[in-house]
């Protein structure tokens, strides 16, 4: 996953504190990326919500117009008008 460059001398063994710091720093970087991605997702969802509202209004208006038109054709066909 991640590689860590460290300047150790041959024969030095990593101390638990250094290993822990390395792991924590990797986690912090991963969390920063996750937070950035979540922010992008929030922006995308807001823009999609606006588009969905507009599309719904257009679709609802079209369905209403078709229903009224068909009702008029039926009324004329049955000679109600």
PDB file of N, CA and C in Angstrom:
ATOM      1  N   UNK A   1       0.834  -1.182   0.000  1.00  0.00           N
ATOM      2  CA  UNK A   1       0.000   0.000   0.000  1.00  0.00           C
ATOM      3  C   UNK A   1       0.874   1.237   0.000  1.00  0.00           C
ATOM      4  N   UNK A   2       1.473   1.594   1.089  1.00  0.00           N
ATOM      5  CA  UNK A   2       2.365   2.745   1.174  1.00  0.00           C
ATOM      6  C   UNK A   2       3.776   2.230   1.436  1.00  0.00           C
ATOM      7  N   UNK A   3       4.754   2.920   0.904  1.00  0.00           N
ATOM      8  CA  UNK A   3       6.130   2.610   1.246  1.00  0.00           C
ATOM      9  C   UNK A   3       6.701   3.791   2.002  1.00  0.00           C
ATOM     10  N   UNK A   4       7.502   3.493   2.960  1.00  0.00           N
ATOM     11  CA  UNK A   4       8.070   4.541   3.803  1.00  0.00           C
ATOM     12  C   UNK A   4       9.574   4.551   3.593  1.00  0.00           C
ATOM     13  N   UNK A   5      10.096   5.702   3.237  1.00  0.00           N
ATOM     14  CA  UNK A   5      11.543   5.863   3.123  1.00  0.00           C
ATOM     15  C   UNK A   5      12.067   6.314   4.477  1.00  0.00           C
ATOM     16  N   UNK A   6      12.948   5.576   5.011  1.00  0.00           N
ATOM     17  CA  UNK A   6      13.545   5.990   6.273  1.00  0.00           C
ATOM     18  C   UNK A   6      15.053   5.920   6.118  1.00  0.00           C
ATOM     19  N   UNK A   7      15.709   6.745   6.832  1.00  0.00           N
ATOM     20  CA  UNK A   7      17.164   6.795   6.779  1.00  0.00           C
ATOM     21  C   UNK A   7      17.714   6.066   8.002  1.00  0.00           C
ATOM     22  N   UNK A   8      17.702   4.767   7.908  1.00  0.00           N
ATOM     23  CA  UNK A   8      18.222   3.955   9.002  1.00  0.00           C
ATOM     24  C   UNK A   8      19.583   3.403   8.611  1.00  0.00           C
ATOM     25  N   UNK A   9      20.345   3.149   9.591  1.00  0.00           N
ATOM     26  CA  UNK A   9      21.635   2.513   9.361  1.00  0.00           C
ATOM     27  C   UNK A   9      21.426   1.009   9.313  1.00  0.00           C
ATOM     28  N   UNK A  10      22.244   0.329   8.539  1.00  0.00           N
ATOM     29  CA  UNK A  10      22.122  -1.138   8.522  1.00  0.00           C
ATOM     30  C   UNK A  10      22.305  -1.697   9.927  1.00  0.00           C
ATOM     31  N   UNK A  11      21.456  -2.589  10.263  1.00  0.00           N
ATOM     32  CA  UNK A  11      21.532  -3.193  11.585  1.00  0.00           C
ATOM     33  C   UNK A  11      20.637  -2.535  12.605  1.00  0.00           C
ATOM     34  N   UNK A  12      20.147  -1.322  12.323  1.00  0.00           N
ATOM     35  CA  UNK A  12      19.232  -0.653  13.250  1.00  0.00           C
ATOM     36  C   UNK A  12      17.871  -1.324  13.165  1.00  0.00           C
ATOM     37  N   UNK A  13      17.280  -1.555  14.272  1.00  0.00           N
ATOM     38  CA  UNK A  13      15.928  -2.100  14.270  1.00  0.00           C
ATOM     39  C   UNK A  13      14.957  -0.961  14.563  1.00  0.00           C
ATOM     40  N   UNK A  14      13.802  -0.947  13.888  1.00  0.00           N
ATOM     41  CA  UNK A  14      12.847   0.133  14.136  1.00  0.00           C
ATOM     42  C   UNK A  14      12.281   0.034  15.544  1.00  0.00           C
ATOM     43  N   UNK A  15      12.198   1.162  16.176  1.00  0.00           N
ATOM     44  CA  UNK A  15      11.626   1.184  17.518  1.00  0.00           C
ATOM     45  C   UNK A  15      10.109   1.196  17.396  1.00  0.00           C
ATOM     46  N   UNK A  16       9.424   0.708  18.401  1.00  0.00           N
ATOM     47  CA  UNK A  16       7.959   0.719  18.342  1.00  0.00           C
ATOM     48  C   UNK A  16       7.392   2.125  18.191  1.00  0.00           C
ATOM     49  N   UNK A  17       8.068   3.113  18.757  1.00  0.00           N
ATOM     50  CA  UNK A  17       7.568   4.487  18.652  1.00  0.00           C
ATOM     51  C   UNK A  17       7.638   4.981  17.212  1.00  0.00           C
ATOM     52  N   UNK A  18       8.767   4.692  16.525  1.00  0.00           N
ATOM     53  CA  UNK A  18       8.900   5.111  15.130  1.00  0.00           C
ATOM     54  C   UNK A  18       7.895   4.391  14.241  1.00  0.00           C
ATOM     55  N   UNK A  19       7.714   3.105  14.500  1.00  0.00           N
ATOM     56  CA  UNK A  19       6.751   2.342  13.710  1.00  0.00           C
ATOM     57  C   UNK A  19       5.342   2.895  13.917  1.00  0.00           C
ATOM     58  N   UNK A  20       5.021   3.248  15.140  1.00  0.00           N
ATOM     59  CA  UNK A  20       3.699   3.797  15.444  1.00  0.00           C
ATOM     60  C   UNK A  20       3.516   5.145  14.763  1.00  0.00           C
ATOM     61  N   UNK A  21       4.545   5.994  14.797  1.00  0.00           N
ATOM     62  CA  UNK A  21       4.453   7.302  14.143  1.00  0.00           C
ATOM     63  C   UNK A  21       4.242   7.147  12.645  1.00  0.00           C
ATOM     64  N   UNK A  22       4.932   6.199  12.048  1.00  0.00           N
ATOM     65  CA  UNK A  22       4.782   5.954  10.616  1.00  0.00           C
ATOM     66  C   UNK A  22       3.361   5.524  10.296  1.00  0.00           C
ATOM     67  N   UNK A  23       2.832   4.618  11.079  1.00  0.00           N
ATOM     68  CA  UNK A  23       1.469   4.139  10.850  1.00  0.00           C
ATOM     69  C   UNK A  23       0.455   5.256  11.041  1.00  0.00           C
ATOM     70  N   UNK A  24       0.654   6.081  12.055  1.00  0.00           N
ATOM     71  CA  UNK A  24      -0.270   7.188  12.314  1.00  0.00           C
ATOM     72  C   UNK A  24      -0.211   8.204  11.192  1.00  0.00           C
ATOM     73  N   UNK A  25       0.990   8.491  10.699  1.00  0.00           N
ATOM     74  CA  UNK A  25       1.098   9.467   9.605  1.00  0.00           C
ATOM     75  C   UNK A  25       0.424   8.938   8.347  1.00  0.00           C
ATOM     76  N   UNK A  26       0.533   7.641   8.078  1.00  0.00           N
ATOM     77  CA  UNK A  26      -0.167   7.065   6.928  1.00  0.00           C
ATOM     78  C   UNK A  26      -1.679   7.167   7.101  1.00  0.00           C
ATOM     79  N   UNK A  27      -2.155   6.908   8.301  1.00  0.00           N
ATOM     80  CA  UNK A  27      -3.589   7.029   8.564  1.00  0.00           C
ATOM     81  C   UNK A  27      -4.067   8.464   8.393  1.00  0.00           C
ATOM     82  N   UNK A  28      -3.273   9.424   8.848  1.00  0.00           N
ATOM     83  CA  UNK A  28      -3.656  10.830   8.701  1.00  0.00           C
ATOM     84  C   UNK A  28      -3.767  11.219   7.237  1.00  0.00           C
ATOM     85  N   UNK A  29      -2.825  10.754   6.426  1.00  0.00           N
ATOM     86  CA  UNK A  29      -2.874  11.055   4.991  1.00  0.00           C
ATOM     87  C   UNK A  29      -4.111  10.423   4.369  1.00  0.00           C
ATOM     88  N   UNK A  30      -4.390   9.179   4.733  1.00  0.00           N
ATOM     89  CA  UNK A  30      -5.565   8.500   4.183  1.00  0.00           C
ATOM     90  C   UNK A  30      -6.846   9.222   4.588  1.00  0.00           C
ATOM     91  N   UNK A  31      -6.927   9.684   5.812  1.00  0.00           N
ATOM     92  CA  UNK A  31      -8.120  10.397   6.286  1.00  0.00           C
ATOM     93  C   UNK A  31      -8.282  11.717   5.548  1.00  0.00           C
ATOM     94  N   UNK A  32      -7.175  12.402   5.254  1.00  0.00           N
ATOM     95  CA  UNK A  32      -7.268  13.652   4.491  1.00  0.00           C
ATOM     96  C   UNK A  32      -7.855  13.397   3.111  1.00  0.00           C
ATOM     97  N   UNK A  33      -7.414  12.320   2.458  1.00  0.00           N
ATOM     98  CA  UNK A  33      -7.959  11.987   1.142  1.00  0.00           C
ATOM     99  C   UNK A  33      -9.444  11.645   1.239  1.00  0.00           C
ATOM    100  N   UNK A  34      -9.813  10.904   2.261  1.00  0.00           N
ATOM    101  CA  UNK A  34     -11.220  10.531   2.433  1.00  0.00           C
ATOM    102  C   UNK A  34     -12.077  11.768   2.668  1.00  0.00           C
ATOM    103  N   UNK A  35     -11.599  12.698   3.490  1.00  0.00           N
ATOM    104  CA  UNK A  35     -12.360  13.922   3.750  1.00  0.00           C
ATOM    105  C   UNK A  35     -12.500  14.755   2.485  1.00  0.00           C
ATOM    106  N   UNK A  36     -11.448  14.834   1.687  1.00  0.00           N
ATOM    107  CA  UNK A  36     -11.519  15.579   0.431  1.00  0.00           C
ATOM    108  C   UNK A  36     -12.543  14.942  -0.516  1.00  0.00           C
ATOM    109  N   UNK A  37     -12.510  13.605  -0.610  1.00  0.00           N
ATOM    110  CA  UNK A  37     -13.454  12.911  -1.475  1.00  0.00           C
ATOM    111  C   UNK A  37     -14.889  13.096  -0.993  1.00  0.00           C
ATOM    112  N   UNK A  38     -15.105  13.079   0.324  1.00  0.00           N
ATOM    113  CA  UNK A  38     -16.449  13.307   0.856  1.00  0.00           C
ATOM    114  C   UNK A  38     -16.939  14.715   0.537  1.00  0.00           C
ATOM    115  N   UNK A  39     -16.055  15.693   0.605  1.00  0.00           N
ATOM    116  CA  UNK A  39     -16.419  17.062   0.234  1.00  0.00           C
ATOM    117  C   UNK A  39     -16.834  17.144  -1.225  1.00  0.00           C
ATOM    118  N   UNK A  40     -16.104  16.442  -2.097  1.00  0.00           N
ATOM    119  CA  UNK A  40     -16.466  16.418  -3.516  1.00  0.00           C
ATOM    120  C   UNK A  40     -17.827  15.759  -3.718  1.00  0.00           C
ATOM    121  N   UNK A  41     -18.077  14.680  -2.982  1.00  0.00           N
ATOM    122  CA  UNK A  41     -19.368  14.000  -3.098  1.00  0.00           C
ATOM    123  C   UNK A  41     -20.518  14.895  -2.651  1.00  0.00           C
ATOM    124  N   UNK A  42     -20.314  15.664  -1.589  1.00  0.00           N
ATOM    125  CA  UNK A  42     -21.359  16.580  -1.120  1.00  0.00           C
ATOM    126  C   UNK A  42     -21.686  17.611  -2.186  1.00  0.00           C
ATOM    127  N   UNK A  43     -20.655  18.167  -2.828  1.00  0.00           N
ATOM    128  CA  UNK A  43     -20.880  19.153  -3.890  1.00  0.00           C
ATOM    129  C   UNK A  43     -21.656  18.527  -5.042  1.00  0.00           C
ATOM    130  N   UNK A  44     -21.270  17.309  -5.430  1.00  0.00           N
ATOM    131  CA  UNK A  44     -21.955  16.631  -6.523  1.00  0.00           C
ATOM    132  C   UNK A  44     -23.415  16.358  -6.176  1.00  0.00           C
ATOM    133  N   UNK A  45     -23.676  15.944  -4.948  1.00  0.00           N
ATOM    134  CA  UNK A  45     -25.055  15.662  -4.542  1.00  0.00           C
ATOM    135  C   UNK A  45     -25.911  16.924  -4.561  1.00  0.00           C
ATOM    136  N   UNK A  46     -25.346  18.053  -4.141  1.00  0.00           N
ATOM    137  CA  UNK A  46     -26.097  19.312  -4.171  1.00  0.00           C
ATOM    138  C   UNK A  46     -26.454  19.695  -5.597  1.00  0.00           C
ATOM    139  N   UNK A  47     -25.508  19.556  -6.508  1.00  0.00           N
ATOM    140  CA  UNK A  47     -25.793  19.918  -7.900  1.00  0.00           C
ATOM    141  C   UNK A  47     -26.805  18.949  -8.510  1.00  0.00           C
ATOM    142  N   UNK A  48     -26.722  17.669  -8.158  1.00  0.00           N
ATOM    143  CA  UNK A  48     -27.692  16.705  -8.678  1.00  0.00           C
ATOM    144  C   UNK A  48     -29.088  17.004  -8.146  1.00  0.00           C
ATOM    145  N   UNK A  49     -29.186  17.422  -6.893  1.00  0.00           N
ATOM    146  CA  UNK A  49     -30.482  17.727  -6.304  1.00  0.00           C
ATOM    147  C   UNK A  49     -31.163  18.861  -7.063  1.00  0.00           C
ATOM    148  N   UNK A  50     -30.400  19.881  -7.449  1.00  0.00           N
ATOM    149  CA  UNK A  50     -30.963  21.000  -8.212  1.00  0.00           C
ATOM    150  C   UNK A  50     -31.451  20.528  -9.572  1.00  0.00           C
ATOM    151  N   UNK A  51     -30.666  19.677 -10.233  1.00  0.00           N
ATOM    152  CA  UNK A  51     -31.061  19.178 -11.548  1.00  0.00           C
ATOM    153  C   UNK A  51     -32.297  18.289 -11.449  1.00  0.00           C
ATOM    154  N   UNK A  52     -32.378  17.494 -10.412  1.00  0.00           N
ATOM    155  CA  UNK A  52     -33.523  16.599 -10.242  1.00  0.00           C
ATOM    156  C   UNK A  52     -34.796  17.413 -10.038  1.00  0.00           C
ATOM    157  N   UNK A  53     -34.715  18.481  -9.251  1.00  0.00           N
ATOM    158  CA  UNK A  53     -35.887  19.337  -9.035  1.00  0.00           C
ATOM    159  C   UNK A  53     -36.375  19.925 -10.346  1.00  0.00           C
ATOM    160  N   UNK A  54     -35.466  20.442 -11.150  1.00  0.00           N
ATOM    161  CA  UNK A  54     -35.829  21.044 -12.431  1.00  0.00           C
ATOM    162  C   UNK A  54     -36.418  19.996 -13.361  1.00  0.00           C
ATOM    163  N   UNK A  55     -35.786  18.831 -13.443  1.00  0.00           N
ATOM    164  CA  UNK A  55     -36.289  17.771 -14.309  1.00  0.00           C
ATOM    165  C   UNK A  55     -37.678  17.321 -13.870  1.00  0.00           C
ATOM    166  N   UNK A  56     -37.914  17.236 -12.567  1.00  0.00           N
ATOM    167  CA  UNK A  56     -39.219  16.818 -12.078  1.00  0.00           C
ATOM    168  C   UNK A  56     -40.292  17.815 -12.480  1.00  0.00           C
ATOM    169  N   UNK A  57     -40.011  19.095 -12.376  1.00  0.00           N
ATOM    170  CA  UNK A  57     -40.996  20.111 -12.742  1.00  0.00           C
ATOM    171  C   UNK A  57     -41.335  20.036 -14.220  1.00  0.00           C
ATOM    172  N   UNK A  58     -40.321  19.864 -15.054  1.00  0.00           N
ATOM    173  CA  UNK A  58     -40.568  19.759 -16.496  1.00  0.00           C
ATOM    174  C   UNK A  58     -41.388  18.515 -16.796  1.00  0.00           C
ATOM    175  N   UNK A  59     -41.022  17.394 -16.215  1.00  0.00           N
ATOM    176  CA  UNK A  59     -41.733  16.141 -16.451  1.00  0.00           C
ATOM    177  C   UNK A  59     -43.169  16.217 -15.943  1.00  0.00           C
ATOM    178  N   UNK A  60     -43.375  16.800 -14.786  1.00  0.00           N
ATOM    179  CA  UNK A  60     -44.726  16.927 -14.235  1.00  0.00           C
ATOM    180  C   UNK A  60     -45.589  17.805 -15.134  1.00  0.00           C
ATOM    181  N   UNK A  61     -45.027  18.893 -15.647  1.00  0.00           N
ATOM    182  CA  UNK A  61     -45.767  19.762 -16.562  1.00  0.00           C
ATOM    183  C   UNK A  61     -46.125  19.043 -17.845  1.00  0.00           C
ATOM    184  N   UNK A  62     -45.207  18.243 -18.377  1.00  0.00           N
ATOM    185  CA  UNK A  62     -45.475  17.501 -19.611  1.00  0.00           C
ATOM    186  C   UNK A  62     -46.568  16.456 -19.394  1.00  0.00           C
ATOM    187  N   UNK A  63     -46.518  15.740 -18.298  1.00  0.00           N
ATOM    188  CA  UNK A  63     -47.539  14.722 -18.015  1.00  0.00           C
ATOM    189  C   UNK A  63     -48.903  15.376 -17.838  1.00  0.00           C
ATOM    190  N   UNK A  64     -48.952  16.514 -17.160  1.00  0.00           N
ATOM    191  CA  UNK A  64     -50.219  17.232 -16.977  1.00  0.00           C
ATOM    192  C   UNK A  64     -50.778  17.680 -18.317  1.00  0.00           C
ATOM    193  N   UNK A  65     -49.930  18.201 -19.190  1.00  0.00           N
ATOM    194  CA  UNK A  65     -50.385  18.655 -20.509  1.00  0.00           C
ATOM    195  C   UNK A  65     -50.915  17.489 -21.333  1.00  0.00           C
ATOM    196  N   UNK A  66     -50.245  16.357 -21.291  1.00  0.00           N
ATOM    197  CA  UNK A  66     -50.698  15.177 -22.032  1.00  0.00           C
ATOM    198  C   UNK A  66     -52.029  14.687 -21.477  1.00  0.00           C
ATOM    199  N   UNK A  67     -52.186  14.665 -20.166  1.00  0.00           N
ATOM    200  CA  UNK A  67     -53.438  14.201 -19.561  1.00  0.00           C
ATOM    201  C   UNK A  67     -54.597  15.110 -19.958  1.00  0.00           C
ATOM    202  N   UNK A  68     -54.377  16.420 -19.943  1.00  0.00           N
ATOM    203  CA  UNK A  68     -55.443  17.354 -20.331  1.00  0.00           C
ATOM    204  C   UNK A  68     -55.768  17.195 -21.812  1.00  0.00           C
ATOM    205  N   UNK A  69     -54.736  17.021 -22.638  1.00  0.00           N
ATOM    206  CA  UNK A  69     -54.964  16.815 -24.075  1.00  0.00           C
ATOM    207  C   UNK A  69     -55.757  15.549 -24.348  1.00  0.00           C
ATOM    208  N   UNK A  70     -55.406  14.463 -23.689  1.00  0.00           N
ATOM    209  CA  UNK A  70     -56.139  13.210 -23.885  1.00  0.00           C
ATOM    210  C   UNK A  70     -57.569  13.318 -23.365  1.00  0.00           C
ATOM    211  N   UNK A  71     -57.761  14.012 -22.265  1.00  0.00           N
ATOM    212  CA  UNK A  71     -59.124  14.204 -21.752  1.00  0.00           C
ATOM    213  C   UNK A  71     -59.945  14.995 -22.758  1.00  0.00           C
ATOM    214  N   UNK A  72     -59.337  16.002 -23.389  1.00  0.00           N
ATOM    215  CA  UNK A  72     -60.042  16.778 -24.418  1.00  0.00           C
ATOM    216  C   UNK A  72     -60.392  15.929 -25.625  1.00  0.00           C
ATOM    217  N   UNK A  73     -59.459  15.084 -26.064  1.00  0.00           N
ATOM    218  CA  UNK A  73     -59.742  14.197 -27.201  1.00  0.00           C
ATOM    219  C   UNK A  73     -60.852  13.204 -26.871  1.00  0.00           C
ATOM    220  N   UNK A  74     -60.827  12.664 -25.662  1.00  0.00           N
ATOM    221  CA  UNK A  74     -61.886  11.735 -25.266  1.00  0.00           C
ATOM    222  C   UNK A  74     -63.233  12.443 -25.209  1.00  0.00           C
ATOM    223  N   UNK A  75     -63.252  13.656 -24.683  1.00  0.00           N
ATOM    224  CA  UNK A  75     -64.508  14.410 -24.592  1.00  0.00           C
ATOM    225  C   UNK A  75     -65.058  14.695 -25.980  1.00  0.00           C
ATOM    226  N   UNK A  76     -64.168  15.031 -26.890  1.00  0.00           N
ATOM    227  CA  UNK A  76     -64.628  15.309 -28.253  1.00  0.00           C
ATOM    228  C   UNK A  76     -65.064  14.013 -28.936  1.00  0.00           C
ATOM    229  N   UNK A  77     -64.343  12.917 -28.714  1.00  0.00           N
ATOM    230  CA  UNK A  77     -64.685  11.635 -29.323  1.00  0.00           C
ATOM    231  C   UNK A  77     -66.023  11.104 -28.825  1.00  0.00           C
ATOM    232  N   UNK A  78     -66.337  11.292 -27.565  1.00  0.00           N
ATOM    233  CA  UNK A  78     -67.611  10.844 -27.016  1.00  0.00           C
ATOM    234  C   UNK A  78     -68.699  11.896 -27.183  1.00  0.00           C
ATOM    235  N   UNK A  79     -68.374  12.954 -27.886  1.00  0.00           N
ATOM    236  CA  UNK A  79     -69.286  14.061 -28.187  1.00  0.00           C
ATOM    237  C   UNK A  79     -69.845  14.693 -26.912  1.00  0.00           C
ATOM    238  N   UNK A  80     -68.969  14.858 -25.935  1.00  0.00           N
ATOM    239  CA  UNK A  80     -69.356  15.557 -24.722  1.00  0.00           C
ATOM    240  C   UNK A  80     -69.200  17.052 -24.902  1.00  0.00           C
ATOM    241  N   UNK A  81     -68.411  17.442 -25.895  1.00  0.00           N
ATOM    242  CA  UNK A  81     -68.203  18.864 -26.159  1.00  0.00           C
ATOM    243  C   UNK A  81     -68.882  19.244 -27.445  1.00  0.00           C
TER     244      UNK A  81
END
